[in-house]
PDB file of N, CA and C in Angstrom:
ATOM      1  N   MET A   1     -80.784 -53.357  66.283  1.00  0.00           N
ATOM      2  CA  MET A   1     -79.637 -53.556  67.176  1.00  0.00           C
ATOM      3  C   MET A   1     -79.266 -52.223  67.829  1.00  0.00           C
ATOM      4  N   ALA A   2     -79.125 -52.247  69.137  1.00  0.00           N
ATOM      5  CA  ALA A   2     -78.921 -51.013  69.912  1.00  0.00           C
ATOM      6  C   ALA A   2     -77.621 -50.303  69.545  1.00  0.00           C
ATOM      7  N   LEU A   3     -76.547 -51.047  69.332  1.00  0.00           N
ATOM      8  CA  LEU A   3     -75.263 -50.420  69.028  1.00  0.00           C
ATOM      9  C   LEU A   3     -75.306 -49.712  67.684  1.00  0.00           C
ATOM     10  N   ALA A   4     -75.881 -50.351  66.686  1.00  0.00           N
ATOM     11  CA  ALA A   4     -75.991 -49.737  65.356  1.00  0.00           C
ATOM     12  C   ALA A   4     -76.842 -48.471  65.422  1.00  0.00           C
ATOM     13  N   LYS A   5     -77.927 -48.521  66.189  1.00  0.00           N
ATOM     14  CA  LYS A   5     -78.800 -47.351  66.338  1.00  0.00           C
ATOM     15  C   LYS A   5     -78.042 -46.219  67.032  1.00  0.00           C
ATOM     16  N   ALA A   6     -77.300 -46.533  68.093  1.00  0.00           N
ATOM     17  CA  ALA A   6     -76.539 -45.516  68.826  1.00  0.00           C
ATOM     18  C   ALA A   6     -75.503 -44.868  67.912  1.00  0.00           C
ATOM     19  N   LYS A   7     -74.795 -45.686  67.134  1.00  0.00           N
ATOM     20  CA  LYS A   7     -73.770 -45.148  66.234  1.00  0.00           C
ATOM     21  C   LYS A   7     -74.395 -44.269  65.151  1.00  0.00           C
ATOM     22  N   GLU A   8     -75.568 -44.646  64.665  1.00  0.00           N
ATOM     23  CA  GLU A   8     -76.267 -43.845  63.655  1.00  0.00           C
ATOM     24  C   GLU A   8     -76.669 -42.491  64.233  1.00  0.00           C
ATOM     25  N   ILE A   9     -77.197 -42.476  65.454  1.00  0.00           N
ATOM     26  CA  ILE A   9     -77.606 -41.225  66.103  1.00  0.00           C
ATOM     27  C   ILE A   9     -76.391 -40.322  66.302  1.00  0.00           C
ATOM     28  N   VAL A  10     -75.286 -40.900  66.793  1.00  0.00           N
ATOM     29  CA  VAL A  10     -74.068 -40.119  67.037  1.00  0.00           C
ATOM     30  C   VAL A  10     -73.511 -39.551  65.735  1.00  0.00           C
ATOM     31  N   SER A  11     -73.530 -40.347  64.672  1.00  0.00           N
ATOM     32  CA  SER A  11     -72.948 -39.878  63.412  1.00  0.00           C
ATOM     33  C   SER A  11     -73.827 -38.840  62.711  1.00  0.00           C
ATOM     34  N   SER A  12     -75.113 -38.776  63.036  1.00  0.00           N
ATOM     35  CA  SER A  12     -75.998 -37.856  62.326  1.00  0.00           C
ATOM     36  C   SER A  12     -76.366 -36.607  63.135  1.00  0.00           C
ATOM     37  N   ASN A  13     -75.754 -36.420  64.298  1.00  0.00           N
ATOM     38  CA  ASN A  13     -76.015 -35.237  65.126  1.00  0.00           C
ATOM     39  C   ASN A  13     -74.692 -34.658  65.625  1.00  0.00           C
ATOM     40  N   PRO A  14     -74.543 -33.318  65.585  1.00  0.00           N
ATOM     41  CA  PRO A  14     -73.284 -32.724  66.042  1.00  0.00           C
ATOM     42  C   PRO A  14     -72.974 -33.033  67.508  1.00  0.00           C
ATOM     43  N   VAL A  15     -74.014 -33.024  68.349  1.00  0.00           N
ATOM     44  CA  VAL A  15     -73.827 -33.302  69.774  1.00  0.00           C
ATOM     45  C   VAL A  15     -74.950 -34.220  70.241  1.00  0.00           C
ATOM     46  N   VAL A  16     -74.561 -35.295  70.934  1.00  0.00           N
ATOM     47  CA  VAL A  16     -75.536 -36.231  71.495  1.00  0.00           C
ATOM     48  C   VAL A  16     -75.208 -36.433  72.964  1.00  0.00           C
ATOM     49  N   VAL A  17     -76.253 -36.339  73.795  1.00  0.00           N
ATOM     50  CA  VAL A  17     -76.109 -36.620  75.222  1.00  0.00           C
ATOM     51  C   VAL A  17     -77.033 -37.780  75.549  1.00  0.00           C
ATOM     52  N   TYR A  18     -76.444 -38.929  75.855  1.00  0.00           N
ATOM     53  CA  TYR A  18     -77.225 -40.045  76.384  1.00  0.00           C
ATOM     54  C   TYR A  18     -77.390 -39.761  77.861  1.00  0.00           C
ATOM     55  N   SER A  19     -78.644 -39.747  78.311  1.00  0.00           N
ATOM     56  CA  SER A  19     -78.997 -39.176  79.596  1.00  0.00           C
ATOM     57  C   SER A  19     -80.067 -40.020  80.272  1.00  0.00           C
ATOM     58  N   LYS A  20     -80.333 -39.705  81.520  1.00  0.00           N
ATOM     59  CA  LYS A  20     -81.531 -40.189  82.213  1.00  0.00           C
ATOM     60  C   LYS A  20     -82.180 -38.955  82.817  1.00  0.00           C
ATOM     61  N   SER A  21     -83.488 -38.854  82.669  1.00  0.00           N
ATOM     62  CA  SER A  21     -84.189 -37.615  83.014  1.00  0.00           C
ATOM     63  C   SER A  21     -84.036 -37.229  84.483  1.00  0.00           C
ATOM     64  N   TYR A  22     -83.816 -38.200  85.362  1.00  0.00           N
ATOM     65  CA  TYR A  22     -83.733 -37.924  86.797  1.00  0.00           C
ATOM     66  C   TYR A  22     -82.294 -37.734  87.297  1.00  0.00           C
ATOM     67  N   CYS A  23     -81.314 -37.822  86.426  1.00  0.00           N
ATOM     68  CA  CYS A  23     -79.903 -37.780  86.816  1.00  0.00           C
ATOM     69  C   CYS A  23     -79.411 -36.336  86.925  1.00  0.00           C
ATOM     70  N   PRO A  24     -78.975 -35.899  88.115  1.00  0.00           N
ATOM     71  CA  PRO A  24     -78.532 -34.507  88.267  1.00  0.00           C
ATOM     72  C   PRO A  24     -77.295 -34.165  87.426  1.00  0.00           C
ATOM     73  N   PHE A  25     -76.417 -35.126  87.190  1.00  0.00           N
ATOM     74  CA  PHE A  25     -75.226 -34.864  86.370  1.00  0.00           C
ATOM     75  C   PHE A  25     -75.617 -34.666  84.912  1.00  0.00           C
ATOM     76  N   CYS A  26     -76.639 -35.394  84.469  1.00  0.00           N
ATOM     77  CA  CYS A  26     -77.158 -35.236  83.107  1.00  0.00           C
ATOM     78  C   CYS A  26     -77.774 -33.842  82.952  1.00  0.00           C
ATOM     79  N   VAL A  27     -78.555 -33.439  83.947  1.00  0.00           N
ATOM     80  CA  VAL A  27     -79.183 -32.116  83.920  1.00  0.00           C
ATOM     81  C   VAL A  27     -78.099 -31.043  83.841  1.00  0.00           C
ATOM     82  N   GLN A  28     -77.024 -31.213  84.604  1.00  0.00           N
ATOM     83  CA  GLN A  28     -75.936 -30.234  84.621  1.00  0.00           C
ATOM     84  C   GLN A  28     -75.293 -30.092  83.241  1.00  0.00           C
ATOM     85  N   VAL A  29     -75.036 -31.210  82.576  1.00  0.00           N
ATOM     86  CA  VAL A  29     -74.420 -31.170  81.243  1.00  0.00           C
ATOM     87  C   VAL A  29     -75.368 -30.530  80.235  1.00  0.00           C
ATOM     88  N   LYS A  30     -76.641 -30.895  80.283  1.00  0.00           N
ATOM     89  CA  LYS A  30     -77.609 -30.325  79.342  1.00  0.00           C
ATOM     90  C   LYS A  30     -77.777 -28.826  79.583  1.00  0.00           C
ATOM     91  N   GLN A  31     -77.764 -28.390  80.841  1.00  0.00           N
ATOM     92  CA  GLN A  31     -77.849 -26.957  81.145  1.00  0.00           C
ATOM     93  C   GLN A  31     -76.631 -26.221  80.618  1.00  0.00           C
ATOM     94  N   LEU A  32     -75.445 -26.801  80.799  1.00  0.00           N
ATOM     95  CA  LEU A  32     -74.216 -26.178  80.303  1.00  0.00           C
ATOM     96  C   LEU A  32     -74.289 -26.004  78.786  1.00  0.00           C
ATOM     97  N   LEU A  33     -74.666 -27.058  78.079  1.00  0.00           N
ATOM     98  CA  LEU A  33     -74.764 -26.979  76.618  1.00  0.00           C
ATOM     99  C   LEU A  33     -75.783 -25.924  76.200  1.00  0.00           C
ATOM    100  N   SER A  34     -76.913 -25.872  76.897  1.00  0.00           N
ATOM    101  CA  SER A  34     -77.943 -24.869  76.590  1.00  0.00           C
ATOM    102  C   SER A  34     -77.425 -23.456  76.842  1.00  0.00           C
ATOM    103  N   GLN A  35     -76.724 -23.261  77.963  1.00  0.00           N
ATOM    104  CA  GLN A  35     -76.181 -21.941  78.283  1.00  0.00           C
ATOM    105  C   GLN A  35     -75.170 -21.485  77.245  1.00  0.00           C
ATOM    106  N   LEU A  36     -74.455 -22.448  76.657  1.00  0.00           N
ATOM    107  CA  LEU A  36     -73.476 -22.106  75.625  1.00  0.00           C
ATOM    108  C   LEU A  36     -74.126 -21.891  74.264  1.00  0.00           C
ATOM    109  N   GLY A  37     -75.432 -22.149  74.178  1.00  0.00           N
ATOM    110  CA  GLY A  37     -76.151 -21.964  72.923  1.00  0.00           C
ATOM    111  C   GLY A  37     -75.954 -23.120  71.952  1.00  0.00           C
ATOM    112  N   ALA A  38     -75.554 -24.262  72.472  1.00  0.00           N
ATOM    113  CA  ALA A  38     -75.300 -25.423  71.615  1.00  0.00           C
ATOM    114  C   ALA A  38     -76.583 -26.186  71.345  1.00  0.00           C
ATOM    115  N   SER A  39     -76.740 -26.613  70.101  1.00  0.00           N
ATOM    116  CA  SER A  39     -77.847 -27.505  69.794  1.00  0.00           C
ATOM    117  C   SER A  39     -77.340 -28.920  70.049  1.00  0.00           C
ATOM    118  N   PHE A  40     -78.184 -29.731  70.665  1.00  0.00           N
ATOM    119  CA  PHE A  40     -77.796 -31.104  70.966  1.00  0.00           C
ATOM    120  C   PHE A  40     -79.020 -31.996  70.994  1.00  0.00           C
ATOM    121  N   LYS A  41     -78.778 -33.265  70.801  1.00  0.00           N
ATOM    122  CA  LYS A  41     -79.852 -34.259  70.870  1.00  0.00           C
ATOM    123  C   LYS A  41     -79.671 -35.012  72.175  1.00  0.00           C
ATOM    124  N   ALA A  42     -80.681 -34.962  73.029  1.00  0.00           N
ATOM    125  CA  ALA A  42     -80.655 -35.708  74.282  1.00  0.00           C
ATOM    126  C   ALA A  42     -81.503 -36.965  74.123  1.00  0.00           C
ATOM    127  N   ILE A  43     -80.914 -38.091  74.451  1.00  0.00           N
ATOM    128  CA  ILE A  43     -81.629 -39.362  74.449  1.00  0.00           C
ATOM    129  C   ILE A  43     -81.809 -39.756  75.909  1.00  0.00           C
ATOM    130  N   GLU A  44     -83.046 -39.701  76.386  1.00  0.00           N
ATOM    131  CA  GLU A  44     -83.332 -40.043  77.786  1.00  0.00           C
ATOM    132  C   GLU A  44     -83.535 -41.559  77.872  1.00  0.00           C
ATOM    133  N   LEU A  45     -82.503 -42.246  78.335  1.00  0.00           N
ATOM    134  CA  LEU A  45     -82.524 -43.713  78.328  1.00  0.00           C
ATOM    135  C   LEU A  45     -83.637 -44.287  79.201  1.00  0.00           C
ATOM    136  N   ASP A  46     -84.049 -43.553  80.240  1.00  0.00           N
ATOM    137  CA  ASP A  46     -85.125 -44.047  81.095  1.00  0.00           C
ATOM    138  C   ASP A  46     -86.497 -43.898  80.441  1.00  0.00           C
ATOM    139  N   LYS A  47     -86.567 -43.162  79.331  1.00  0.00           N
ATOM    140  CA  LYS A  47     -87.841 -42.968  78.625  1.00  0.00           C
ATOM    141  C   LYS A  47     -87.921 -43.798  77.337  1.00  0.00           C
ATOM    142  N   GLU A  48     -86.784 -44.335  76.901  1.00  0.00           N
ATOM    143  CA  GLU A  48     -86.726 -45.109  75.661  1.00  0.00           C
ATOM    144  C   GLU A  48     -87.049 -46.577  75.936  1.00  0.00           C
ATOM    145  N   SER A  49     -87.811 -47.190  75.048  1.00  0.00           N
ATOM    146  CA  SER A  49     -88.163 -48.598  75.243  1.00  0.00           C
ATOM    147  C   SER A  49     -86.925 -49.500  75.200  1.00  0.00           C
ATOM    148  N   ASP A  50     -85.907 -49.083  74.469  1.00  0.00           N
ATOM    149  CA  ASP A  50     -84.678 -49.879  74.388  1.00  0.00           C
ATOM    150  C   ASP A  50     -83.523 -49.216  75.149  1.00  0.00           C
ATOM    151  N   GLY A  51     -83.861 -48.409  76.156  1.00  0.00           N
ATOM    152  CA  GLY A  51     -82.856 -47.647  76.897  1.00  0.00           C
ATOM    153  C   GLY A  51     -81.809 -48.513  77.568  1.00  0.00           C
ATOM    154  N   SER A  52     -82.232 -49.608  78.166  1.00  0.00           N
ATOM    155  CA  SER A  52     -81.283 -50.473  78.862  1.00  0.00           C
ATOM    156  C   SER A  52     -80.347 -51.160  77.876  1.00  0.00           C
ATOM    157  N   GLU A  53     -80.873 -51.584  76.741  1.00  0.00           N
ATOM    158  CA  GLU A  53     -80.031 -52.186  75.696  1.00  0.00           C
ATOM    159  C   GLU A  53     -79.061 -51.143  75.133  1.00  0.00           C
ATOM    160  N   THR A  54     -79.547 -49.919  74.957  1.00  0.00           N
ATOM    161  CA  THR A  54     -78.686 -48.845  74.450  1.00  0.00           C
ATOM    162  C   THR A  54     -77.568 -48.552  75.436  1.00  0.00           C
ATOM    163  N   GLN A  55     -77.895 -48.512  76.722  1.00  0.00           N
ATOM    164  CA  GLN A  55     -76.872 -48.234  77.727  1.00  0.00           C
ATOM    165  C   GLN A  55     -75.806 -49.339  77.721  1.00  0.00           C
ATOM    166  N   SER A  56     -76.218 -50.581  77.570  1.00  0.00           N
ATOM    167  CA  SER A  56     -75.256 -51.683  77.478  1.00  0.00           C
ATOM    168  C   SER A  56     -74.406 -51.571  76.219  1.00  0.00           C
ATOM    169  N   ALA A  57     -75.033 -51.181  75.107  1.00  0.00           N
ATOM    170  CA  ALA A  57     -74.295 -51.014  73.849  1.00  0.00           C
ATOM    171  C   ALA A  57     -73.271 -49.886  73.967  1.00  0.00           C
ATOM    172  N   LEU A  58     -73.654 -48.796  74.632  1.00  0.00           N
ATOM    173  CA  LEU A  58     -72.725 -47.678  74.832  1.00  0.00           C
ATOM    174  C   LEU A  58     -71.541 -48.113  75.686  1.00  0.00           C
ATOM    175  N   ALA A  59     -71.800 -48.935  76.690  1.00  0.00           N
ATOM    176  CA  ALA A  59     -70.721 -49.443  77.546  1.00  0.00           C
ATOM    177  C   ALA A  59     -69.755 -50.296  76.733  1.00  0.00           C
ATOM    178  N   GLN A  60     -70.319 -51.105  75.849  1.00  0.00           N
ATOM    179  CA  GLN A  60     -69.498 -51.961  74.988  1.00  0.00           C
ATOM    180  C   GLN A  60     -68.663 -51.098  74.026  1.00  0.00           C
ATOM    181  N   TRP A  61     -69.267 -50.040  73.493  1.00  0.00           N
ATOM    182  CA  TRP A  61     -68.630 -49.181  72.501  1.00  0.00           C
ATOM    183  C   TRP A  61     -67.585 -48.268  73.133  1.00  0.00           C
ATOM    184  N   THR A  62     -67.943 -47.633  74.273  1.00  0.00           N
ATOM    185  CA  THR A  62     -67.098 -46.578  74.833  1.00  0.00           C
ATOM    186  C   THR A  62     -66.358 -46.975  76.104  1.00  0.00           C
ATOM    187  N   GLY A  63     -66.769 -48.075  76.715  1.00  0.00           N
ATOM    188  CA  GLY A  63     -66.206 -48.452  77.997  1.00  0.00           C
ATOM    189  C   GLY A  63     -66.828 -47.684  79.156  1.00  0.00           C
ATOM    190  N   GLN A  64     -67.833 -46.870  78.854  1.00  0.00           N
ATOM    191  CA  GLN A  64     -68.509 -46.066  79.881  1.00  0.00           C
ATOM    192  C   GLN A  64     -69.966 -46.493  79.972  1.00  0.00           C
ATOM    193  N   ARG A  65     -70.374 -46.969  81.142  1.00  0.00           N
ATOM    194  CA  ARG A  65     -71.755 -47.386  81.335  1.00  0.00           C
ATOM    195  C   ARG A  65     -72.607 -46.265  81.931  1.00  0.00           C
ATOM    196  N   THR A  66     -71.956 -45.308  82.595  1.00  0.00           N
ATOM    197  CA  THR A  66     -72.685 -44.261  83.307  1.00  0.00           C
ATOM    198  C   THR A  66     -73.211 -43.186  82.351  1.00  0.00           C
ATOM    199  N   VAL A  67     -74.184 -42.429  82.846  1.00  0.00           N
ATOM    200  CA  VAL A  67     -74.701 -41.269  82.130  1.00  0.00           C
ATOM    201  C   VAL A  67     -74.391 -40.031  82.958  1.00  0.00           C
ATOM    202  N   PRO A  68     -74.262 -38.862  82.327  1.00  0.00           N
ATOM    203  CA  PRO A  68     -74.399 -38.639  80.898  1.00  0.00           C
ATOM    204  C   PRO A  68     -73.224 -39.232  80.113  1.00  0.00           C
ATOM    205  N   ASN A  69     -73.519 -39.591  78.896  1.00  0.00           N
ATOM    206  CA  ASN A  69     -72.512 -40.102  77.971  1.00  0.00           C
ATOM    207  C   ASN A  69     -72.565 -39.163  76.766  1.00  0.00           C
ATOM    208  N   VAL A  70     -71.539 -38.330  76.634  1.00  0.00           N
ATOM    209  CA  VAL A  70     -71.557 -37.202  75.704  1.00  0.00           C
ATOM    210  C   VAL A  70     -70.674 -37.481  74.486  1.00  0.00           C
ATOM    211  N   PHE A  71     -71.227 -37.162  73.322  1.00  0.00           N
ATOM    212  CA  PHE A  71     -70.500 -37.256  72.053  1.00  0.00           C
ATOM    213  C   PHE A  71     -70.562 -35.903  71.376  1.00  0.00           C
ATOM    214  N   ILE A  72     -69.422 -35.433  70.871  1.00  0.00           N
ATOM    215  CA  ILE A  72     -69.378 -34.177  70.113  1.00  0.00           C
ATOM    216  C   ILE A  72     -68.629 -34.446  68.815  1.00  0.00           C
ATOM    217  N   GLY A  73     -69.262 -34.089  67.711  1.00  0.00           N
ATOM    218  CA  GLY A  73     -68.642 -34.303  66.407  1.00  0.00           C
ATOM    219  C   GLY A  73     -68.319 -35.769  66.149  1.00  0.00           C
ATOM    220  N   GLY A  74     -69.161 -36.656  66.673  1.00  0.00           N
ATOM    221  CA  GLY A  74     -68.961 -38.088  66.467  1.00  0.00           C
ATOM    222  C   GLY A  74     -67.942 -38.713  67.397  1.00  0.00           C
ATOM    223  N   ASN A  75     -67.315 -37.905  68.256  1.00  0.00           N
ATOM    224  CA  ASN A  75     -66.293 -38.411  69.168  1.00  0.00           C
ATOM    225  C   ASN A  75     -66.831 -38.506  70.589  1.00  0.00           C
ATOM    226  N   HIS A  76     -66.470 -39.584  71.271  1.00  0.00           N
ATOM    227  CA  HIS A  76     -66.879 -39.774  72.656  1.00  0.00           C
ATOM    228  C   HIS A  76     -66.095 -38.812  73.541  1.00  0.00           C
ATOM    229  N   ILE A  77     -66.807 -38.001  74.322  1.00  0.00           N
ATOM    230  CA  ILE A  77     -66.178 -37.030  75.211  1.00  0.00           C
ATOM    231  C   ILE A  77     -66.090 -37.595  76.622  1.00  0.00           C
ATOM    232  N   GLY A  78     -67.150 -38.252  77.066  1.00  0.00           N
ATOM    233  CA  GLY A  78     -67.179 -38.808  78.418  1.00  0.00           C
ATOM    234  C   GLY A  78     -68.435 -38.368  79.141  1.00  0.00           C
ATOM    235  N   GLY A  79     -68.303 -38.177  80.444  1.00  0.00           N
ATOM    236  CA  GLY A  79     -69.450 -37.836  81.272  1.00  0.00           C
ATOM    237  C   GLY A  79     -69.454 -36.379  81.698  1.00  0.00           C
ATOM    238  N   CYS A  80     -70.082 -36.124  82.828  1.00  0.00           N
ATOM    239  CA  CYS A  80     -70.237 -34.764  83.342  1.00  0.00           C
ATOM    240  C   CYS A  80     -68.879 -34.146  83.669  1.00  0.00           C
ATOM    241  N   ASP A  81     -68.032 -34.861  84.391  1.00  0.00           N
ATOM    242  CA  ASP A  81     -66.729 -34.301  84.781  1.00  0.00           C
ATOM    243  C   ASP A  81     -65.881 -33.971  83.554  1.00  0.00           C
ATOM    244  N   SER A  82     -65.876 -34.859  82.569  1.00  0.00           N
ATOM    245  CA  SER A  82     -65.092 -34.621  81.351  1.00  0.00           C
ATOM    246  C   SER A  82     -65.604 -33.386  80.613  1.00  0.00           C
ATOM    247  N   THR A  83     -66.920 -33.285  80.493  1.00  0.00           N
ATOM    248  CA  THR A  83     -67.529 -32.188  79.734  1.00  0.00           C
ATOM    249  C   THR A  83     -67.316 -30.849  80.443  1.00  0.00           C
ATOM    250  N   THR A  84     -67.578 -30.801  81.745  1.00  0.00           N
ATOM    251  CA  THR A  84     -67.395 -29.543  82.474  1.00  0.00           C
ATOM    252  C   THR A  84     -65.908 -29.201  82.570  1.00  0.00           C
ATOM    253  N   GLY A  85     -65.050 -30.209  82.688  1.00  0.00           N
ATOM    254  CA  GLY A  85     -63.608 -29.979  82.713  1.00  0.00           C
ATOM    255  C   GLY A  85     -63.114 -29.366  81.414  1.00  0.00           C
ATOM    256  N   MET A  86     -63.636 -29.862  80.291  1.00  0.00           N
ATOM    257  CA  MET A  86     -63.268 -29.292  78.987  1.00  0.00           C
ATOM    258  C   MET A  86     -63.695 -27.831  78.914  1.00  0.00           C
ATOM    259  N   HIS A  87     -64.878 -27.531  79.454  1.00  0.00           N
ATOM    260  CA  HIS A  87     -65.359 -26.155  79.425  1.00  0.00           C
ATOM    261  C   HIS A  87     -64.459 -25.260  80.271  1.00  0.00           C
ATOM    262  N   LYS A  88     -64.112 -25.719  81.475  1.00  0.00           N
ATOM    263  CA  LYS A  88     -63.248 -24.913  82.357  1.00  0.00           C
ATOM    264  C   LYS A  88     -61.880 -24.694  81.728  1.00  0.00           C
ATOM    265  N   ALA A  89     -61.429 -25.637  80.913  1.00  0.00           N
ATOM    266  CA  ALA A  89     -60.128 -25.514  80.238  1.00  0.00           C
ATOM    267  C   ALA A  89     -60.221 -24.706  78.941  1.00  0.00           C
ATOM    268  N   GLY A  90     -61.440 -24.270  78.588  1.00  0.00           N
ATOM    269  CA  GLY A  90     -61.617 -23.470  77.379  1.00  0.00           C
ATOM    270  C   GLY A  90     -61.644 -24.289  76.100  1.00  0.00           C
ATOM    271  N   LYS A  91     -61.851 -25.599  76.221  1.00  0.00           N
ATOM    272  CA  LYS A  91     -61.809 -26.465  75.045  1.00  0.00           C
ATOM    273  C   LYS A  91     -63.183 -26.879  74.520  1.00  0.00           C
ATOM    274  N   LEU A  92     -64.232 -26.654  75.304  1.00  0.00           N
ATOM    275  CA  LEU A  92     -65.554 -27.135  74.905  1.00  0.00           C
ATOM    276  C   LEU A  92     -66.168 -26.289  73.788  1.00  0.00           C
ATOM    277  N   VAL A  93     -66.151 -24.966  73.934  1.00  0.00           N
ATOM    278  CA  VAL A  93     -66.764 -24.095  72.924  1.00  0.00           C
ATOM    279  C   VAL A  93     -66.118 -24.281  71.553  1.00  0.00           C
ATOM    280  N   PRO A  94     -64.766 -24.321  71.464  1.00  0.00           N
ATOM    281  CA  PRO A  94     -64.169 -24.560  70.140  1.00  0.00           C
ATOM    282  C   PRO A  94     -64.594 -25.904  69.537  1.00  0.00           C
ATOM    283  N   LEU A  95     -64.700 -26.923  70.379  1.00  0.00           N
ATOM    284  CA  LEU A  95     -65.118 -28.240  69.892  1.00  0.00           C
ATOM    285  C   LEU A  95     -66.563 -28.212  69.400  1.00  0.00           C
ATOM    286  N   LEU A  96     -67.433 -27.538  70.154  1.00  0.00           N
ATOM    287  CA  LEU A  96     -68.840 -27.406  69.763  1.00  0.00           C
ATOM    288  C   LEU A  96     -68.962 -26.604  68.474  1.00  0.00           C
ATOM    289  N   THR A  97     -68.142 -25.570  68.340  1.00  0.00           N
ATOM    290  CA  THR A  97     -68.161 -24.730  67.143  1.00  0.00           C
ATOM    291  C   THR A  97     -67.709 -25.545  65.936  1.00  0.00           C
ATOM    292  N   GLU A  98     -66.614 -26.274  66.107  1.00  0.00           N
ATOM    293  CA  GLU A  98     -66.086 -27.104  65.029  1.00  0.00           C
ATOM    294  C   GLU A  98     -67.100 -28.166  64.588  1.00  0.00           C
ATOM    295  N   ALA A  99     -67.863 -28.682  65.541  1.00  0.00           N
ATOM    296  CA  ALA A  99     -68.865 -29.709  65.230  1.00  0.00           C
ATOM    297  C   ALA A  99     -70.117 -29.112  64.585  1.00  0.00           C
ATOM    298  N   GLY A 100     -70.229 -27.766  64.606  1.00  0.00           N
ATOM    299  CA  GLY A 100     -71.398 -27.119  64.020  1.00  0.00           C
ATOM    300  C   GLY A 100     -72.574 -27.008  64.970  1.00  0.00           C
ATOM    301  N   ALA A 101     -72.327 -27.205  66.273  1.00  0.00           N
ATOM    302  CA  ALA A 101     -73.413 -27.146  67.246  1.00  0.00           C
ATOM    303  C   ALA A 101     -73.710 -25.719  67.691  1.00  0.00           C
ATOM    304  N   ILE A 102     -72.716 -24.835  67.566  1.00  0.00           N
ATOM    305  CA  ILE A 102     -72.936 -23.420  67.869  1.00  0.00           C
ATOM    306  C   ILE A 102     -72.251 -22.577  66.815  1.00  0.00           C
ATOM    307  N   ASN A 103     -72.783 -21.372  66.631  1.00  0.00           N
ATOM    308  CA  ASN A 103     -72.152 -20.420  65.730  1.00  0.00           C
ATOM    309  C   ASN A 103     -71.023 -19.759  66.487  1.00  0.00           C
ATOM    310  N   SER A 104     -69.914 -19.524  65.834  1.00  0.00           N
ATOM    311  CA  SER A 104     -68.758 -18.934  66.509  1.00  0.00           C
ATOM    312  C   SER A 104     -69.091 -17.551  67.088  1.00  0.00           C
ATOM    313  N   SER A 105     -70.042 -16.851  66.497  1.00  0.00           N
ATOM    314  CA  SER A 105     -70.402 -15.524  66.995  1.00  0.00           C
ATOM    315  C   SER A 105     -71.217 -15.586  68.273  1.00  0.00           C
ATOM    316  N   SER A 106     -71.829 -16.755  68.602  1.00  0.00           N
ATOM    317  CA  SER A 106     -72.686 -16.833  69.787  1.00  0.00           C
ATOM    318  C   SER A 106     -71.992 -17.489  70.959  1.00  0.00           C
ATOM    319  N   SER A 107     -70.694 -17.801  70.835  1.00  0.00           N
ATOM    320  CA  SER A 107     -70.016 -18.461  71.959  1.00  0.00           C
ATOM    321  C   SER A 107     -69.791 -17.482  73.104  1.00  0.00           C
ATOM    322  N   SER A 108     -69.950 -17.998  74.313  1.00  0.00           N
ATOM    323  CA  SER A 108     -69.829 -17.144  75.493  1.00  0.00           C
ATOM    324  C   SER A 108     -68.417 -17.155  75.993  1.00  0.00           C
TER     325      SER A 108
END
């Protein structure tokens, strides 16, 4: 079941980005996380055999059908605007640190 699989992935990784490889907003979020030194798991829905079912399950779970669909510390953050907005507000690095995705000494 796609929803159970999605919840398992989110609960077992500090940061998860549900993405599509060709989506420029997904690329932007993944680049931001990489620049911050965050470890994250990217699930490319266009490359997964159950990607469409997973995207529907995420919509059912979070109310968001679009990608990127970002989770940090098991919590739904939102998409590109939400993630970059949190960074501009100075809230992303502390959240990533708290989730264990980056070491506090390596935050930019």
